[in-house]
C-alpha cells in the first residue's frame, strides 16, 4: 500500500536528516564571543533531534488511536458516556417511558 511506503520514506528521511544536522551545525559560528562555545551546537543538535524523534513517536501512537492498545482511546467507554447523556436528555424532555424504551432498544448493541 502507498501509505506504508510513504511512512517508511518519511522515517528514512527523518533519520538521514538526524545524522546530517550535526555535520551542518559544526560550521555554525556565533557573532558574540561568549556564545562561541562548543557545547551550543551539541545542545542544539540534541534538542532538535529529541524534538523530531519525539514527534515521530507521537505520530506512530496517533496512527491507530482507536485500536485495542493500552494507550489508545477508550472508544467504547466514550460511546457509553454519550449514550447515557442521551438517556438523561430524553428523560428530562420526554419522560421515563421514552428513556427506558431507548435504553432497551440500544442496550444489546453496546454491551
N, C-alpha and C. Protein backbone atom coordinates (compact mmCIF):
# COMPACT_ATOMS: atom_id res chain seq x y z
N UNK A 1 0.83 -1.18 0.00
CA UNK A 1 0.00 0.00 0.00
C UNK A 1 0.88 1.25 0.00
N UNK A 2 0.36 2.28 -0.58
CA UNK A 2 1.11 3.52 -0.75
C UNK A 2 1.38 4.21 0.57
N UNK A 3 0.43 4.16 1.49
CA UNK A 3 0.61 4.83 2.78
C UNK A 3 1.78 4.24 3.57
N UNK A 4 1.96 2.94 3.50
CA UNK A 4 3.08 2.29 4.19
C UNK A 4 4.40 2.75 3.59
N UNK A 5 4.45 2.86 2.26
CA UNK A 5 5.68 3.30 1.60
C UNK A 5 5.99 4.76 1.94
N UNK A 6 4.97 5.59 2.02
CA UNK A 6 5.18 7.00 2.37
C UNK A 6 5.69 7.11 3.80
N UNK A 7 5.12 6.36 4.72
CA UNK A 7 5.58 6.39 6.12
C UNK A 7 7.02 5.90 6.22
N UNK A 8 7.36 4.86 5.47
CA UNK A 8 8.73 4.35 5.50
C UNK A 8 9.69 5.38 4.93
N UNK A 9 9.29 6.06 3.86
CA UNK A 9 10.14 7.08 3.26
C UNK A 9 10.35 8.26 4.21
N UNK A 10 9.29 8.68 4.91
CA UNK A 10 9.44 9.80 5.84
C UNK A 10 10.33 9.42 7.02
N UNK A 11 10.23 8.19 7.49
CA UNK A 11 11.13 7.75 8.57
C UNK A 11 12.58 7.73 8.09
N UNK A 12 12.80 7.25 6.89
CA UNK A 12 14.16 7.23 6.35
C UNK A 12 14.71 8.63 6.21
N UNK A 13 13.92 9.56 5.68
CA UNK A 13 14.37 10.94 5.55
C UNK A 13 14.61 11.58 6.91
N UNK A 14 13.80 11.25 7.89
CA UNK A 14 14.00 11.79 9.24
C UNK A 14 15.33 11.33 9.81
N UNK A 15 15.65 10.06 9.66
CA UNK A 15 16.90 9.56 10.22
C UNK A 15 18.11 10.07 9.44
N UNK A 16 17.99 10.21 8.13
CA UNK A 16 19.08 10.82 7.35
C UNK A 16 19.30 12.26 7.80
N UNK A 17 18.21 13.00 7.98
CA UNK A 17 18.31 14.39 8.45
C UNK A 17 18.94 14.43 9.85
N UNK A 18 18.53 13.49 10.71
CA UNK A 18 19.04 13.47 12.08
C UNK A 18 20.55 13.24 12.11
N UNK A 19 21.07 12.45 11.19
CA UNK A 19 22.51 12.19 11.19
C UNK A 19 23.30 13.25 10.43
N UNK A 20 22.66 14.07 9.60
CA UNK A 20 23.39 15.10 8.87
C UNK A 20 23.33 16.47 9.53
N UNK A 21 22.37 16.71 10.40
CA UNK A 21 22.29 18.01 11.09
C UNK A 21 23.53 18.31 11.92
N UNK A 22 24.09 17.35 12.65
CA UNK A 22 25.31 17.68 13.41
C UNK A 22 26.45 18.14 12.52
N UNK A 23 26.56 17.56 11.33
CA UNK A 23 27.62 17.97 10.42
C UNK A 23 27.42 19.41 9.95
N UNK A 24 26.17 19.80 9.73
CA UNK A 24 25.90 21.17 9.31
C UNK A 24 26.10 22.15 10.45
N UNK A 25 25.76 21.77 11.67
CA UNK A 25 25.87 22.69 12.80
C UNK A 25 27.30 22.82 13.32
N UNK A 26 28.21 21.96 12.88
CA UNK A 26 29.60 22.11 13.28
C UNK A 26 30.16 23.42 12.75
N UNK A 27 29.67 23.86 11.61
CA UNK A 27 30.18 25.07 10.97
C UNK A 27 29.45 26.33 11.41
N UNK A 28 28.54 26.21 12.35
CA UNK A 28 27.81 27.38 12.81
C UNK A 28 28.75 28.25 13.64
N UNK A 29 28.78 29.54 13.31
CA UNK A 29 29.59 30.50 14.07
C UNK A 29 28.64 31.54 14.63
N UNK A 30 28.90 31.95 15.86
CA UNK A 30 28.08 32.96 16.50
C UNK A 30 28.83 34.28 16.52
N UNK A 31 28.10 35.39 16.42
CA UNK A 31 28.72 36.71 16.39
C UNK A 31 29.34 37.10 17.72
N UNK A 32 28.67 36.79 18.81
CA UNK A 32 29.18 37.16 20.14
C UNK A 32 30.22 36.15 20.60
N UNK A 33 31.28 36.65 21.19
CA UNK A 33 32.35 35.75 21.65
C UNK A 33 31.88 34.83 22.76
N UNK A 34 31.00 35.31 23.63
CA UNK A 34 30.58 34.46 24.74
C UNK A 34 29.61 33.36 24.31
N UNK A 35 29.07 33.43 23.09
CA UNK A 35 28.21 32.36 22.58
C UNK A 35 28.96 31.37 21.70
N UNK A 36 30.24 31.60 21.50
CA UNK A 36 31.02 30.74 20.61
C UNK A 36 31.60 29.55 21.39
N UNK A 37 30.77 28.89 22.11
CA UNK A 37 31.18 27.75 22.94
C UNK A 37 30.86 26.46 22.20
N UNK A 38 31.71 25.44 22.28
CA UNK A 38 31.44 24.20 21.53
C UNK A 38 30.22 23.42 22.01
N UNK A 39 29.72 23.70 23.21
CA UNK A 39 28.54 22.98 23.69
C UNK A 39 27.25 23.45 23.04
N UNK A 40 27.23 24.67 22.53
CA UNK A 40 25.99 25.22 21.95
C UNK A 40 25.52 24.40 20.75
N UNK A 41 26.39 24.09 19.76
CA UNK A 41 25.89 23.22 18.67
C UNK A 41 25.44 21.85 19.16
N UNK A 42 26.13 21.31 20.17
CA UNK A 42 25.72 19.99 20.69
C UNK A 42 24.33 20.05 21.33
N UNK A 43 24.07 21.12 22.07
CA UNK A 43 22.75 21.27 22.69
C UNK A 43 21.69 21.47 21.62
N UNK A 44 22.00 22.28 20.60
CA UNK A 44 21.04 22.49 19.50
C UNK A 44 20.73 21.18 18.78
N UNK A 45 21.77 20.40 18.51
CA UNK A 45 21.56 19.11 17.83
C UNK A 45 20.72 18.19 18.70
N UNK A 46 21.03 18.12 19.99
CA UNK A 46 20.27 17.24 20.88
C UNK A 46 18.81 17.67 20.94
N UNK A 47 18.56 18.96 21.11
CA UNK A 47 17.18 19.43 21.26
C UNK A 47 16.37 19.22 19.98
N UNK A 48 16.94 19.54 18.82
CA UNK A 48 16.19 19.34 17.58
C UNK A 48 15.97 17.86 17.30
N UNK A 49 16.98 17.04 17.53
CA UNK A 49 16.82 15.60 17.31
C UNK A 49 15.80 15.02 18.28
N UNK A 50 15.89 15.40 19.54
CA UNK A 50 14.94 14.94 20.55
C UNK A 50 13.52 15.33 20.16
N UNK A 51 13.34 16.57 19.69
CA UNK A 51 12.02 17.05 19.30
C UNK A 51 11.45 16.29 18.11
N UNK A 52 12.25 16.10 17.07
CA UNK A 52 11.75 15.43 15.88
C UNK A 52 11.52 13.93 16.11
N UNK A 53 12.38 13.28 16.86
CA UNK A 53 12.15 11.87 17.17
C UNK A 53 10.92 11.73 18.06
N UNK A 54 10.73 12.67 18.98
CA UNK A 54 9.52 12.66 19.81
C UNK A 54 8.27 12.82 18.98
N UNK A 55 8.31 13.73 17.99
CA UNK A 55 7.16 13.89 17.09
C UNK A 55 6.90 12.61 16.30
N UNK A 56 7.96 11.92 15.92
CA UNK A 56 7.79 10.66 15.19
C UNK A 56 7.11 9.61 16.07
N UNK A 57 7.51 9.52 17.33
CA UNK A 57 6.86 8.56 18.23
C UNK A 57 5.40 8.93 18.48
N UNK A 58 5.11 10.21 18.61
CA UNK A 58 3.72 10.64 18.80
C UNK A 58 2.89 10.32 17.57
N UNK A 59 3.45 10.55 16.38
CA UNK A 59 2.69 10.24 15.16
C UNK A 59 2.46 8.74 15.03
N UNK A 60 3.42 7.92 15.48
CA UNK A 60 3.20 6.46 15.47
C UNK A 60 2.06 6.07 16.41
N UNK A 61 2.00 6.69 17.58
CA UNK A 61 0.92 6.39 18.53
C UNK A 61 -0.43 6.85 17.99
N UNK A 62 -0.45 7.99 17.32
CA UNK A 62 -1.72 8.54 16.83
C UNK A 62 -2.15 7.90 15.52
N UNK A 63 -1.29 7.10 14.91
CA UNK A 63 -1.62 6.47 13.64
C UNK A 63 -2.83 5.55 13.78
N UNK A 64 -2.93 4.83 14.88
CA UNK A 64 -4.07 3.95 15.14
C UNK A 64 -4.58 4.24 16.55
N UNK A 65 -5.19 5.40 16.71
CA UNK A 65 -5.58 5.87 18.04
C UNK A 65 -6.81 5.15 18.59
N UNK A 66 -7.56 4.47 17.75
CA UNK A 66 -8.80 3.83 18.20
C UNK A 66 -8.70 2.31 18.17
N UNK A 67 -7.51 1.78 18.39
CA UNK A 67 -7.30 0.34 18.41
C UNK A 67 -7.56 -0.24 19.79
N UNK A 68 -6.85 -1.31 20.10
CA UNK A 68 -7.03 -2.01 21.38
C UNK A 68 -5.80 -1.95 22.27
N UNK A 69 -4.84 -1.11 21.96
CA UNK A 69 -3.65 -0.98 22.79
C UNK A 69 -3.98 -0.23 24.07
N UNK A 70 -3.19 -0.41 25.12
CA UNK A 70 -3.47 0.30 26.39
C UNK A 70 -3.41 1.82 26.27
N UNK A 71 -2.64 2.33 25.30
CA UNK A 71 -2.52 3.78 25.16
C UNK A 71 -3.55 4.38 24.21
N UNK A 72 -4.45 3.56 23.68
CA UNK A 72 -5.46 4.06 22.74
C UNK A 72 -6.66 4.64 23.49
N UNK A 73 -7.47 5.37 22.74
CA UNK A 73 -8.68 5.94 23.32
C UNK A 73 -9.67 4.83 23.68
N UNK A 74 -10.39 5.03 24.74
CA UNK A 74 -11.43 4.08 25.14
C UNK A 74 -12.72 4.47 24.41
N UNK A 75 -12.81 4.06 23.15
CA UNK A 75 -13.94 4.48 22.33
C UNK A 75 -15.26 3.88 22.82
N UNK A 76 -15.25 2.65 23.34
CA UNK A 76 -16.48 2.06 23.86
C UNK A 76 -16.94 2.81 25.11
N UNK A 77 -16.02 3.15 25.99
CA UNK A 77 -16.37 3.91 27.19
C UNK A 77 -16.92 5.29 26.84
N UNK A 78 -16.30 5.95 25.86
CA UNK A 78 -16.79 7.26 25.43
C UNK A 78 -18.18 7.15 24.82
N UNK A 79 -18.42 6.07 24.05
CA UNK A 79 -19.74 5.87 23.45
C UNK A 79 -20.79 5.63 24.54
N UNK A 80 -20.44 4.86 25.57
CA UNK A 80 -21.39 4.61 26.65
C UNK A 80 -21.71 5.90 27.41
N UNK A 81 -20.72 6.75 27.61
CA UNK A 81 -20.97 8.03 28.28
C UNK A 81 -21.91 8.89 27.44
N UNK A 82 -21.69 8.91 26.12
CA UNK A 82 -22.56 9.71 25.25
C UNK A 82 -23.99 9.16 25.25
N UNK A 83 -24.14 7.83 25.26
CA UNK A 83 -25.47 7.24 25.28
C UNK A 83 -26.17 7.57 26.60
N UNK A 84 -25.42 7.52 27.71
CA UNK A 84 -26.02 7.90 29.00
C UNK A 84 -26.45 9.37 29.00
N UNK A 85 -25.67 10.23 28.35
CA UNK A 85 -26.08 11.63 28.23
C UNK A 85 -27.35 11.77 27.41
N UNK A 86 -27.48 10.95 26.36
CA UNK A 86 -28.71 10.97 25.56
C UNK A 86 -29.90 10.50 26.40
N UNK A 87 -29.69 9.45 27.21
CA UNK A 87 -30.76 8.99 28.10
C UNK A 87 -31.21 10.10 29.04
N UNK A 88 -30.24 10.78 29.61
CA UNK A 88 -30.57 11.86 30.55
C UNK A 88 -31.36 12.96 29.86
N UNK A 89 -30.95 13.31 28.65
CA UNK A 89 -31.67 14.35 27.90
C UNK A 89 -33.09 13.91 27.57
N UNK A 90 -33.24 12.67 27.12
CA UNK A 90 -34.58 12.17 26.78
C UNK A 90 -35.43 12.04 28.04
N UNK A 91 -34.81 11.64 29.15
CA UNK A 91 -35.54 11.55 30.41
C UNK A 91 -36.10 12.91 30.81
N UNK A 92 -35.31 13.95 30.64
CA UNK A 92 -35.77 15.30 31.00
C UNK A 92 -36.82 15.82 30.03
N UNK A 93 -36.69 15.48 28.75
CA UNK A 93 -37.60 16.02 27.74
C UNK A 93 -38.87 15.19 27.57
N UNK A 94 -38.72 13.86 27.50
CA UNK A 94 -39.86 13.00 27.15
C UNK A 94 -40.35 12.10 28.28
N UNK A 95 -39.59 12.00 29.35
CA UNK A 95 -40.04 11.18 30.48
C UNK A 95 -39.39 9.82 30.54
N UNK A 96 -39.76 9.07 31.62
CA UNK A 96 -39.15 7.77 31.89
C UNK A 96 -39.45 6.73 30.82
N UNK A 97 -40.68 6.72 30.33
CA UNK A 97 -41.05 5.68 29.36
C UNK A 97 -40.20 5.76 28.10
N UNK A 98 -40.01 6.96 27.58
CA UNK A 98 -39.20 7.13 26.36
C UNK A 98 -37.74 6.78 26.62
N UNK A 99 -37.21 7.18 27.79
CA UNK A 99 -35.82 6.88 28.11
C UNK A 99 -35.60 5.38 28.27
N UNK A 100 -36.50 4.69 28.95
CA UNK A 100 -36.36 3.24 29.12
C UNK A 100 -36.55 2.50 27.80
N UNK A 101 -37.42 3.01 26.93
CA UNK A 101 -37.60 2.38 25.62
C UNK A 101 -36.32 2.50 24.79
N UNK A 102 -35.69 3.66 24.85
CA UNK A 102 -34.42 3.84 24.13
C UNK A 102 -33.33 2.95 24.73
N UNK A 103 -33.26 2.88 26.05
CA UNK A 103 -32.25 2.04 26.70
C UNK A 103 -32.45 0.57 26.31
N UNK A 104 -33.69 0.10 26.30
CA UNK A 104 -33.99 -1.29 25.95
C UNK A 104 -33.61 -1.57 24.50
N UNK A 105 -33.82 -0.58 23.64
CA UNK A 105 -33.53 -0.75 22.22
C UNK A 105 -32.03 -0.74 21.93
N UNK A 106 -31.25 0.08 22.65
CA UNK A 106 -29.83 0.22 22.36
C UNK A 106 -28.92 -0.68 23.19
N UNK A 107 -29.39 -1.19 24.29
CA UNK A 107 -28.53 -1.96 25.20
C UNK A 107 -27.81 -3.13 24.52
N UNK A 108 -28.47 -3.95 23.72
CA UNK A 108 -27.74 -5.08 23.12
C UNK A 108 -26.62 -4.65 22.16
N UNK A 109 -26.70 -3.44 21.62
CA UNK A 109 -25.72 -3.02 20.62
C UNK A 109 -24.39 -2.60 21.22
N UNK A 110 -24.38 -2.11 22.45
CA UNK A 110 -23.10 -1.65 23.00
C UNK A 110 -22.64 -2.43 24.21
N UNK A 111 -23.25 -3.55 24.50
CA UNK A 111 -22.77 -4.39 25.62
C UNK A 111 -22.01 -5.58 25.10
